[in-house]
Amino acid sequence: LHIKDCLSAKEAWDKLSKMYENTGIANKMHLQEDLMMTKMGESD
């Protein structure tokens, strides 16, 4: 649904990039927190 209306490869690629490469500071901080806070479970 995110790319079904795209008319070119560039448009589709850019749409997916914009959706999943959120460069906002909130997303960066969230990932940094994930890196520092993620824990391996005893059964993992």
ModelCIF file with pLDDT and N, C-alpha, C, O atoms, coordinates in Angstrom:
data_MODEL
#
_entry.id   MODEL 
#
_entity.id                         1 
_entity.type                       polymer 
_entity.pdbx_number_of_molecules   1 
#
_entity_poly.entity_id                      1 
_entity_poly.type                           'polypeptide(L)' 
_entity_poly.nstd_linkage                   no 
_entity_poly.nstd_monomer                   no 
_entity_poly.pdbx_seq_one_letter_code       LHIKDCLSAKEAWDKLSKMYENTGIANKMHLQEDLMMTKMGESD 
_entity_poly.pdbx_seq_one_letter_code_can   LHIKDCLSAKEAWDKLSKMYENTGIANKMHLQEDLMMTKMGESD 
_entity_poly.pdbx_strand_id                 A 
#
loop_
_entity_poly_seq.entity_id 
_entity_poly_seq.num 
_entity_poly_seq.mon_id 
_entity_poly_seq.hetero 
1 1  LEU n 
1 2  HIS n 
1 3  ILE n 
1 4  LYS n 
1 5  ASP n 
1 6  CYS n 
1 7  LEU n 
1 8  SER n 
1 9  ALA n 
1 10 LYS n 
1 11 GLU n 
1 12 ALA n 
1 13 TRP n 
1 14 ASP n 
1 15 LYS n 
1 16 LEU n 
1 17 SER n 
1 18 LYS n 
1 19 MET n 
1 20 TYR n 
1 21 GLU n 
1 22 ASN n 
1 23 THR n 
1 24 GLY n 
1 25 ILE n 
1 26 ALA n 
1 27 ASN n 
1 28 LYS n 
1 29 MET n 
1 30 HIS n 
1 31 LEU n 
1 32 GLN n 
1 33 GLU n 
1 34 ASP n 
1 35 LEU n 
1 36 MET n 
1 37 MET n 
1 38 THR n 
1 39 LYS n 
1 40 MET n 
1 41 GLY n 
1 42 GLU n 
1 43 SER n 
1 44 ASP n 
#
_struct_asym.id          A 
_struct_asym.entity_id   1 
#
loop_
_ma_qa_metric.id 
_ma_qa_metric.mode 
_ma_qa_metric.name 
_ma_qa_metric.software_group_id 
_ma_qa_metric.type 
1 global pLDDT . pLDDT 
2 local  pLDDT . pLDDT 
#
_ma_qa_metric_global.metric_id      1 
_ma_qa_metric_global.metric_value   86.95 
_ma_qa_metric_global.model_id       1 
_ma_qa_metric_global.ordinal_id     1 
#
loop_
_ma_qa_metric_local.label_asym_id 
_ma_qa_metric_local.label_comp_id 
_ma_qa_metric_local.label_seq_id 
_ma_qa_metric_local.metric_id 
_ma_qa_metric_local.metric_value 
_ma_qa_metric_local.model_id 
_ma_qa_metric_local.ordinal_id 
A LEU 1  2 89.00 1 1  
A HIS 2  2 90.00 1 2  
A ILE 3  2 94.00 1 3  
A LYS 4  2 92.00 1 4  
A ASP 5  2 94.00 1 5  
A CYS 6  2 94.00 1 6  
A LEU 7  2 93.00 1 7  
A SER 8  2 92.00 1 8  
A ALA 9  2 94.00 1 9  
A LYS 10 2 93.00 1 10 
A GLU 11 2 94.00 1 11 
A ALA 12 2 94.00 1 12 
A TRP 13 2 94.00 1 13 
A ASP 14 2 93.00 1 14 
A LYS 15 2 91.00 1 15 
A LEU 16 2 90.00 1 16 
A SER 17 2 87.00 1 17 
A LYS 18 2 84.00 1 18 
A MET 19 2 81.00 1 19 
A TYR 20 2 79.00 1 20 
A GLU 21 2 74.00 1 21 
A ASN 22 2 68.00 1 22 
A THR 23 2 61.00 1 23 
A GLY 24 2 67.00 1 24 
A ILE 25 2 76.00 1 25 
A ALA 26 2 78.00 1 26 
A ASN 27 2 78.00 1 27 
A LYS 28 2 83.00 1 28 
A MET 29 2 88.00 1 29 
A HIS 30 2 87.00 1 30 
A LEU 31 2 88.00 1 31 
A GLN 32 2 90.00 1 32 
A GLU 33 2 92.00 1 33 
A ASP 34 2 92.00 1 34 
A LEU 35 2 93.00 1 35 
A MET 36 2 92.00 1 36 
A MET 37 2 93.00 1 37 
A THR 38 2 94.00 1 38 
A LYS 39 2 94.00 1 39 
A MET 40 2 94.00 1 40 
A GLY 41 2 86.00 1 41 
A GLU 42 2 77.00 1 42 
A SER 43 2 81.00 1 43 
A ASP 44 2 88.00 1 44 
#
loop_
_atom_site.group_PDB 
_atom_site.id 
_atom_site.type_symbol 
_atom_site.label_atom_id 
_atom_site.label_alt_id 
_atom_site.label_comp_id 
_atom_site.label_asym_id 
_atom_site.label_entity_id 
_atom_site.label_seq_id 
_atom_site.pdbx_PDB_ins_code 
_atom_site.Cartn_x 
_atom_site.Cartn_y 
_atom_site.Cartn_z 
_atom_site.occupancy 
_atom_site.B_iso_or_equiv 
_atom_site.pdbx_formal_charge 
_atom_site.auth_seq_id 
_atom_site.auth_comp_id 
_atom_site.auth_asym_id 
_atom_site.auth_atom_id 
_atom_site.pdbx_PDB_model_num 
ATOM 1   N N  . LEU A 1 1  ? 0.817  -1.218  0.000   1.00 89.00 ? 1  LEU A N  1 
ATOM 2   C CA . LEU A 1 1  ? 0.000  0.000   0.000   1.00 89.00 ? 1  LEU A CA 1 
ATOM 3   C C  . LEU A 1 1  ? 0.847  1.262   0.000   1.00 89.00 ? 1  LEU A C  1 
ATOM 4   O O  . LEU A 1 1  ? 0.385  2.315   -0.440  1.00 89.00 ? 1  LEU A O  1 
ATOM 5   N N  . HIS A 1 2  ? 2.088  1.173   0.489   1.00 90.00 ? 2  HIS A N  1 
ATOM 6   C CA . HIS A 1 2  ? 2.940  2.361   0.555   1.00 90.00 ? 2  HIS A CA 1 
ATOM 7   C C  . HIS A 1 2  ? 3.469  2.766   -0.818  1.00 90.00 ? 2  HIS A C  1 
ATOM 8   O O  . HIS A 1 2  ? 3.807  3.932   -1.022  1.00 90.00 ? 2  HIS A O  1 
ATOM 9   N N  . ILE A 1 3  ? 3.547  1.832   -1.758  1.00 94.00 ? 3  ILE A N  1 
ATOM 10  C CA . ILE A 1 3  ? 4.165  2.144   -3.053  1.00 94.00 ? 3  ILE A CA 1 
ATOM 11  C C  . ILE A 1 3  ? 3.273  1.813   -4.245  1.00 94.00 ? 3  ILE A C  1 
ATOM 12  O O  . ILE A 1 3  ? 3.705  1.947   -5.390  1.00 94.00 ? 3  ILE A O  1 
ATOM 13  N N  . LYS A 1 4  ? 2.039  1.385   -3.996  1.00 92.00 ? 4  LYS A N  1 
ATOM 14  C CA . LYS A 1 4  ? 1.176  0.923   -5.093  1.00 92.00 ? 4  LYS A CA 1 
ATOM 15  C C  . LYS A 1 4  ? 0.861  2.019   -6.107  1.00 92.00 ? 4  LYS A C  1 
ATOM 16  O O  . LYS A 1 4  ? 0.555  1.715   -7.260  1.00 92.00 ? 4  LYS A O  1 
ATOM 17  N N  . ASP A 1 5  ? 0.929  3.291   -5.702  1.00 94.00 ? 5  ASP A N  1 
ATOM 18  C CA . ASP A 1 5  ? 0.608  4.384   -6.626  1.00 94.00 ? 5  ASP A CA 1 
ATOM 19  C C  . ASP A 1 5  ? 1.853  5.017   -7.250  1.00 94.00 ? 5  ASP A C  1 
ATOM 20  O O  . ASP A 1 5  ? 1.746  5.989   -7.997  1.00 94.00 ? 5  ASP A O  1 
ATOM 21  N N  . CYS A 1 6  ? 3.020  4.474   -6.947  1.00 94.00 ? 6  CYS A N  1 
ATOM 22  C CA . CYS A 1 6  ? 4.264  5.048   -7.484  1.00 94.00 ? 6  CYS A CA 1 
ATOM 23  C C  . CYS A 1 6  ? 4.387  4.748   -8.976  1.00 94.00 ? 6  CYS A C  1 
ATOM 24  O O  . CYS A 1 6  ? 4.049  3.657   -9.433  1.00 94.00 ? 6  CYS A O  1 
ATOM 25  N N  . LEU A 1 7  ? 4.873  5.727   -9.718  1.00 93.00 ? 7  LEU A N  1 
ATOM 26  C CA . LEU A 1 7  ? 4.983  5.597   -11.164 1.00 93.00 ? 7  LEU A CA 1 
ATOM 27  C C  . LEU A 1 7  ? 6.405  5.345   -11.632 1.00 93.00 ? 7  LEU A C  1 
ATOM 28  O O  . LEU A 1 7  ? 6.629  5.084   -12.815 1.00 93.00 ? 7  LEU A O  1 
ATOM 29  N N  . SER A 1 8  ? 7.371  5.419   -10.724 1.00 92.00 ? 8  SER A N  1 
ATOM 30  C CA . SER A 1 8  ? 8.766  5.183   -11.104 1.00 92.00 ? 8  SER A CA 1 
ATOM 31  C C  . SER A 1 8  ? 9.487  4.462   -9.973  1.00 92.00 ? 8  SER A C  1 
ATOM 32  O O  . SER A 1 8  ? 9.043  4.457   -8.825  1.00 92.00 ? 8  SER A O  1 
ATOM 33  N N  . ALA A 1 9  ? 10.611 3.854   -10.334 1.00 94.00 ? 9  ALA A N  1 
ATOM 34  C CA . ALA A 1 9  ? 11.411 3.146   -9.334  1.00 94.00 ? 9  ALA A CA 1 
ATOM 35  C C  . ALA A 1 9  ? 11.948 4.119   -8.288  1.00 94.00 ? 9  ALA A C  1 
ATOM 36  O O  . ALA A 1 9  ? 11.974 3.802   -7.099  1.00 94.00 ? 9  ALA A O  1 
ATOM 37  N N  . LYS A 1 10 ? 12.369 5.281   -8.721  1.00 93.00 ? 10 LYS A N  1 
ATOM 38  C CA . LYS A 1 10 ? 12.897 6.279   -7.790  1.00 93.00 ? 10 LYS A CA 1 
ATOM 39  C C  . LYS A 1 10 ? 11.838 6.702   -6.782  1.00 93.00 ? 10 LYS A C  1 
ATOM 40  O O  . LYS A 1 10 ? 12.130 6.841   -5.594  1.00 93.00 ? 10 LYS A O  1 
ATOM 41  N N  . GLU A 1 11 ? 10.613 6.906   -7.246  1.00 94.00 ? 11 GLU A N  1 
ATOM 42  C CA . GLU A 1 11 ? 9.536  7.322   -6.353  1.00 94.00 ? 11 GLU A CA 1 
ATOM 43  C C  . GLU A 1 11 ? 9.269  6.243   -5.301  1.00 94.00 ? 11 GLU A C  1 
ATOM 44  O O  . GLU A 1 11 ? 9.087  6.555   -4.124  1.00 94.00 ? 11 GLU A O  1 
ATOM 45  N N  . ALA A 1 12 ? 9.244  4.986   -5.718  1.00 94.00 ? 12 ALA A N  1 
ATOM 46  C CA . ALA A 1 12 ? 8.997  3.885   -4.780  1.00 94.00 ? 12 ALA A CA 1 
ATOM 47  C C  . ALA A 1 12 ? 10.139 3.766   -3.770  1.00 94.00 ? 12 ALA A C  1 
ATOM 48  O O  . ALA A 1 12 ? 9.903  3.616   -2.571  1.00 94.00 ? 12 ALA A O  1 
ATOM 49  N N  . TRP A 1 13 ? 11.364 3.835   -4.260  1.00 94.00 ? 13 TRP A N  1 
ATOM 50  C CA . TRP A 1 13 ? 12.533 3.721   -3.379  1.00 94.00 ? 13 TRP A CA 1 
ATOM 51  C C  . TRP A 1 13 ? 12.544 4.851   -2.350  1.00 94.00 ? 13 TRP A C  1 
ATOM 52  O O  . TRP A 1 13 ? 12.792 4.631   -1.165  1.00 94.00 ? 13 TRP A O  1 
ATOM 53  N N  . ASP A 1 14 ? 12.268 6.074   -2.836  1.00 93.00 ? 14 ASP A N  1 
ATOM 54  C CA . ASP A 1 14 ? 12.280 7.232   -1.936  1.00 93.00 ? 14 ASP A CA 1 
ATOM 55  C C  . ASP A 1 14 ? 11.175 7.148   -0.889  1.00 93.00 ? 14 ASP A C  1 
ATOM 56  O O  . ASP A 1 14 ? 11.376 7.561   0.253   1.00 93.00 ? 14 ASP A O  1 
ATOM 57  N N  . LYS A 1 15 ? 10.017 6.620   -1.263  1.00 91.00 ? 15 LYS A N  1 
ATOM 58  C CA . LYS A 1 15 ? 8.918  6.494   -0.308  1.00 91.00 ? 15 LYS A CA 1 
ATOM 59  C C  . LYS A 1 15 ? 9.270  5.524   0.811   1.00 91.00 ? 15 LYS A C  1 
ATOM 60  O O  . LYS A 1 15 ? 9.015  5.791   1.985   1.00 91.00 ? 15 LYS A O  1 
ATOM 61  N N  . LEU A 1 16 ? 9.855  4.403   0.433   1.00 90.00 ? 16 LEU A N  1 
ATOM 62  C CA . LEU A 1 16 ? 10.252 3.417   1.438   1.00 90.00 ? 16 LEU A CA 1 
ATOM 63  C C  . LEU A 1 16 ? 11.357 3.978   2.334   1.00 90.00 ? 16 LEU A C  1 
ATOM 64  O O  . LEU A 1 16 ? 11.361 3.754   3.545   1.00 90.00 ? 16 LEU A O  1 
ATOM 65  N N  . SER A 1 17 ? 12.291 4.708   1.726   1.00 87.00 ? 17 SER A N  1 
ATOM 66  C CA . SER A 1 17 ? 13.371 5.314   2.506   1.00 87.00 ? 17 SER A CA 1 
ATOM 67  C C  . SER A 1 17 ? 12.821 6.313   3.510   1.00 87.00 ? 17 SER A C  1 
ATOM 68  O O  . SER A 1 17 ? 13.236 6.336   4.669   1.00 87.00 ? 17 SER A O  1 
ATOM 69  N N  . LYS A 1 18 ? 11.884 7.140   3.056   1.00 84.00 ? 18 LYS A N  1 
ATOM 70  C CA . LYS A 1 18 ? 11.304 8.143   3.936   1.00 84.00 ? 18 LYS A CA 1 
ATOM 71  C C  . LYS A 1 18 ? 10.552 7.494   5.095   1.00 84.00 ? 18 LYS A C  1 
ATOM 72  O O  . LYS A 1 18 ? 10.568 7.996   6.219   1.00 84.00 ? 18 LYS A O  1 
ATOM 73  N N  . MET A 1 19 ? 9.903  6.387   4.810   1.00 81.00 ? 19 MET A N  1 
ATOM 74  C CA . MET A 1 19 ? 9.111  5.712   5.841   1.00 81.00 ? 19 MET A CA 1 
ATOM 75  C C  . MET A 1 19 ? 9.990  5.044   6.883   1.00 81.00 ? 19 MET A C  1 
ATOM 76  O O  . MET A 1 19 ? 9.708  5.129   8.078   1.00 81.00 ? 19 MET A O  1 
ATOM 77  N N  . TYR A 1 20 ? 11.062 4.376   6.441   1.00 79.00 ? 20 TYR A N  1 
ATOM 78  C CA . TYR A 1 20 ? 11.855 3.553   7.364   1.00 79.00 ? 20 TYR A CA 1 
ATOM 79  C C  . TYR A 1 20 ? 13.154 4.192   7.816   1.00 79.00 ? 20 TYR A C  1 
ATOM 80  O O  . TYR A 1 20 ? 13.795 3.700   8.745   1.00 79.00 ? 20 TYR A O  1 
ATOM 81  N N  . GLU A 1 21 ? 13.550 5.275   7.178   1.00 74.00 ? 21 GLU A N  1 
ATOM 82  C CA . GLU A 1 21 ? 14.762 5.971   7.606   1.00 74.00 ? 21 GLU A CA 1 
ATOM 83  C C  . GLU A 1 21 ? 14.383 7.276   8.279   1.00 74.00 ? 21 GLU A C  1 
ATOM 84  O O  . GLU A 1 21 ? 14.806 8.357   7.869   1.00 74.00 ? 21 GLU A O  1 
ATOM 85  N N  . ASN A 1 22 ? 13.587 7.151   9.307   1.00 68.00 ? 22 ASN A N  1 
ATOM 86  C CA . ASN A 1 22 ? 13.174 8.317   10.079  1.00 68.00 ? 22 ASN A CA 1 
ATOM 87  C C  . ASN A 1 22 ? 14.390 8.889   10.790  1.00 68.00 ? 22 ASN A C  1 
ATOM 88  O O  . ASN A 1 22 ? 14.901 8.293   11.739  1.00 68.00 ? 22 ASN A O  1 
ATOM 89  N N  . THR A 1 23 ? 14.849 10.044  10.329  1.00 61.00 ? 23 THR A N  1 
ATOM 90  C CA . THR A 1 23 ? 16.066 10.635  10.883  1.00 61.00 ? 23 THR A CA 1 
ATOM 91  C C  . THR A 1 23 ? 15.788 11.574  12.046  1.00 61.00 ? 23 THR A C  1 
ATOM 92  O O  . THR A 1 23 ? 16.692 12.280  12.494  1.00 61.00 ? 23 THR A O  1 
ATOM 93  N N  . GLY A 1 24 ? 14.559 11.596  12.543  1.00 67.00 ? 24 GLY A N  1 
ATOM 94  C CA . GLY A 1 24 ? 14.223 12.464  13.656  1.00 67.00 ? 24 GLY A CA 1 
ATOM 95  C C  . GLY A 1 24 ? 15.016 12.121  14.907  1.00 67.00 ? 24 GLY A C  1 
ATOM 96  O O  . GLY A 1 24 ? 15.396 10.970  15.122  1.00 67.00 ? 24 GLY A O  1 
ATOM 97  N N  . ILE A 1 25 ? 15.260 13.137  15.728  1.00 76.00 ? 25 ILE A N  1 
ATOM 98  C CA . ILE A 1 25 ? 16.047 12.947  16.939  1.00 76.00 ? 25 ILE A CA 1 
ATOM 99  C C  . ILE A 1 25 ? 15.385 11.947  17.882  1.00 76.00 ? 25 ILE A C  1 
ATOM 100 O O  . ILE A 1 25 ? 16.070 11.209  18.589  1.00 76.00 ? 25 ILE A O  1 
ATOM 101 N N  . ALA A 1 26 ? 14.040 11.922  17.892  1.00 78.00 ? 26 ALA A N  1 
ATOM 102 C CA . ALA A 1 26 ? 13.338 10.996  18.783  1.00 78.00 ? 26 ALA A CA 1 
ATOM 103 C C  . ALA A 1 26 ? 13.650 9.549   18.413  1.00 78.00 ? 26 ALA A C  1 
ATOM 104 O O  . ALA A 1 26 ? 13.858 8.707   19.287  1.00 78.00 ? 26 ALA A O  1 
ATOM 105 N N  . ASN A 1 27 ? 13.680 9.265   17.103  1.00 78.00 ? 27 ASN A N  1 
ATOM 106 C CA . ASN A 1 27 ? 13.976 7.908   16.654  1.00 78.00 ? 27 ASN A CA 1 
ATOM 107 C C  . ASN A 1 27 ? 15.416 7.520   16.980  1.00 78.00 ? 27 ASN A C  1 
ATOM 108 O O  . ASN A 1 27 ? 15.680 6.387   17.382  1.00 78.00 ? 27 ASN A O  1 
ATOM 109 N N  . LYS A 1 28 ? 16.345 8.457   16.809  1.00 83.00 ? 28 LYS A N  1 
ATOM 110 C CA . LYS A 1 28 ? 17.741 8.195   17.136  1.00 83.00 ? 28 LYS A CA 1 
ATOM 111 C C  . LYS A 1 28 ? 17.895 7.893   18.628  1.00 83.00 ? 28 LYS A C  1 
ATOM 112 O O  . LYS A 1 28 ? 18.597 6.958   19.014  1.00 83.00 ? 28 LYS A O  1 
ATOM 113 N N  . MET A 1 29 ? 17.233 8.691   19.454  1.00 88.00 ? 29 MET A N  1 
ATOM 114 C CA . MET A 1 29 ? 17.327 8.482   20.898  1.00 88.00 ? 29 MET A CA 1 
ATOM 115 C C  . MET A 1 29 ? 16.715 7.145   21.295  1.00 88.00 ? 29 MET A C  1 
ATOM 116 O O  . MET A 1 29 ? 17.224 6.452   22.176  1.00 88.00 ? 29 MET A O  1 
ATOM 117 N N  . HIS A 1 30 ? 15.616 6.794   20.633  1.00 87.00 ? 30 HIS A N  1 
ATOM 118 C CA . HIS A 1 30 ? 14.958 5.519   20.926  1.00 87.00 ? 30 HIS A CA 1 
ATOM 119 C C  . HIS A 1 30 ? 15.896 4.350   20.624  1.00 87.00 ? 30 HIS A C  1 
ATOM 120 O O  . HIS A 1 30 ? 15.997 3.410   21.412  1.00 87.00 ? 30 HIS A O  1 
ATOM 121 N N  . LEU A 1 31 ? 16.582 4.414   19.478  1.00 88.00 ? 31 LEU A N  1 
ATOM 122 C CA . LEU A 1 31 ? 17.501 3.341   19.108  1.00 88.00 ? 31 LEU A CA 1 
ATOM 123 C C  . LEU A 1 31 ? 18.707 3.298   20.037  1.00 88.00 ? 31 LEU A C  1 
ATOM 124 O O  . LEU A 1 31 ? 19.195 2.219   20.373  1.00 88.00 ? 31 LEU A O  1 
ATOM 125 N N  . GLN A 1 32 ? 19.192 4.473   20.456  1.00 90.00 ? 32 GLN A N  1 
ATOM 126 C CA . GLN A 1 32 ? 20.308 4.504   21.398  1.00 90.00 ? 32 GLN A CA 1 
ATOM 127 C C  . GLN A 1 32 ? 19.897 3.866   22.724  1.00 90.00 ? 32 GLN A C  1 
ATOM 128 O O  . GLN A 1 32 ? 20.668 3.126   23.335  1.00 90.00 ? 32 GLN A O  1 
ATOM 129 N N  . GLU A 1 33 ? 18.687 4.158   23.155  1.00 92.00 ? 33 GLU A N  1 
ATOM 130 C CA . GLU A 1 33 ? 18.173 3.543   24.382  1.00 92.00 ? 33 GLU A CA 1 
ATOM 131 C C  . GLU A 1 33 ? 18.052 2.035   24.221  1.00 92.00 ? 33 GLU A C  1 
ATOM 132 O O  . GLU A 1 33 ? 18.366 1.276   25.138  1.00 92.00 ? 33 GLU A O  1 
ATOM 133 N N  . ASP A 1 34 ? 17.593 1.603   23.041  1.00 92.00 ? 34 ASP A N  1 
ATOM 134 C CA . ASP A 1 34 ? 17.497 0.161   22.764  1.00 92.00 ? 34 ASP A CA 1 
ATOM 135 C C  . ASP A 1 34 ? 18.862 -0.501  22.901  1.00 92.00 ? 34 ASP A C  1 
ATOM 136 O O  . ASP A 1 34 ? 18.987 -1.576  23.487  1.00 92.00 ? 34 ASP A O  1 
ATOM 137 N N  . LEU A 1 35 ? 19.887 0.156   22.352  1.00 93.00 ? 35 LEU A N  1 
ATOM 138 C CA . LEU A 1 35 ? 21.230 -0.415  22.394  1.00 93.00 ? 35 LEU A CA 1 
ATOM 139 C C  . LEU A 1 35 ? 21.721 -0.558  23.829  1.00 93.00 ? 35 LEU A C  1 
ATOM 140 O O  . LEU A 1 35 ? 22.360 -1.551  24.177  1.00 93.00 ? 35 LEU A O  1 
ATOM 141 N N  . MET A 1 36 ? 21.420 0.439   24.660  1.00 92.00 ? 36 MET A N  1 
ATOM 142 C CA . MET A 1 36 ? 21.918 0.429   26.035  1.00 92.00 ? 36 MET A CA 1 
ATOM 143 C C  . MET A 1 36 ? 21.050 -0.381  26.985  1.00 92.00 ? 36 MET A C  1 
ATOM 144 O O  . MET A 1 36 ? 21.546 -0.890  27.991  1.00 92.00 ? 36 MET A O  1 
ATOM 145 N N  . MET A 1 37 ? 19.741 -0.512  26.680  1.00 93.00 ? 37 MET A N  1 
ATOM 146 C CA . MET A 1 37 ? 18.819 -1.119  27.627  1.00 93.00 ? 37 MET A CA 1 
ATOM 147 C C  . MET A 1 37 ? 18.375 -2.538  27.267  1.00 93.00 ? 37 MET A C  1 
ATOM 148 O O  . MET A 1 37 ? 17.834 -3.250  28.113  1.00 93.00 ? 37 MET A O  1 
ATOM 149 N N  . THR A 1 38 ? 18.600 -2.952  26.015  1.00 94.00 ? 38 THR A N  1 
ATOM 150 C CA . THR A 1 38 ? 18.180 -4.301  25.614  1.00 94.00 ? 38 THR A CA 1 
ATOM 151 C C  . THR A 1 38 ? 18.885 -5.352  26.472  1.00 94.00 ? 38 THR A C  1 
ATOM 152 O O  . THR A 1 38 ? 20.097 -5.289  26.675  1.00 94.00 ? 38 THR A O  1 
ATOM 153 N N  . LYS A 1 39 ? 18.121 -6.307  26.966  1.00 94.00 ? 39 LYS A N  1 
ATOM 154 C CA . LYS A 1 39 ? 18.670 -7.372  27.800  1.00 94.00 ? 39 LYS A CA 1 
ATOM 155 C C  . LYS A 1 39 ? 18.347 -8.738  27.193  1.00 94.00 ? 39 LYS A C  1 
ATOM 156 O O  . LYS A 1 39 ? 17.276 -8.946  26.622  1.00 94.00 ? 39 LYS A O  1 
ATOM 157 N N  . MET A 1 40 ? 19.282 -9.643  27.328  1.00 94.00 ? 40 MET A N  1 
ATOM 158 C CA . MET A 1 40 ? 19.075 -11.010 26.873  1.00 94.00 ? 40 MET A CA 1 
ATOM 159 C C  . MET A 1 40 ? 18.383 -11.794 27.978  1.00 94.00 ? 40 MET A C  1 
ATOM 160 O O  . MET A 1 40 ? 18.853 -11.823 29.115  1.00 94.00 ? 40 MET A O  1 
ATOM 161 N N  . GLY A 1 41 ? 17.259 -12.433 27.640  1.00 86.00 ? 41 GLY A N  1 
ATOM 162 C CA . GLY A 1 41 ? 16.545 -13.235 28.614  1.00 86.00 ? 41 GLY A CA 1 
ATOM 163 C C  . GLY A 1 41 ? 17.299 -14.514 28.926  1.00 86.00 ? 41 GLY A C  1 
ATOM 164 O O  . GLY A 1 41 ? 18.100 -14.986 28.120  1.00 86.00 ? 41 GLY A O  1 
ATOM 165 N N  . GLU A 1 42 ? 17.042 -15.066 30.087  1.00 77.00 ? 42 GLU A N  1 
ATOM 166 C CA . GLU A 1 42 ? 17.737 -16.281 30.508  1.00 77.00 ? 42 GLU A CA 1 
ATOM 167 C C  . GLU A 1 42 ? 17.544 -17.431 29.520  1.00 77.00 ? 42 GLU A C  1 
ATOM 168 O O  . GLU A 1 42 ? 18.420 -18.283 29.376  1.00 77.00 ? 42 GLU A O  1 
ATOM 169 N N  . SER A 1 43 ? 16.402 -17.455 28.844  1.00 81.00 ? 43 SER A N  1 
ATOM 170 C CA . SER A 1 43 ? 16.114 -18.560 27.913  1.00 81.00 ? 43 SER A CA 1 
ATOM 171 C C  . SER A 1 43 ? 16.370 -18.177 26.455  1.00 81.00 ? 43 SER A C  1 
ATOM 172 O O  . SER A 1 43 ? 16.130 -18.989 25.561  1.00 81.00 ? 43 SER A O  1 
ATOM 173 N N  . ASP A 1 44 ? 16.851 -16.964 26.196  1.00 88.00 ? 44 ASP A N  1 
ATOM 174 C CA . ASP A 1 44 ? 17.104 -16.518 24.823  1.00 88.00 ? 44 ASP A CA 1 
ATOM 175 C C  . ASP A 1 44 ? 18.354 -17.170 24.244  1.00 88.00 ? 44 ASP A C  1 
ATOM 176 O O  . ASP A 1 44 ? 18.713 -16.906 23.096  1.00 88.00 ? 44 ASP A O  1 
#
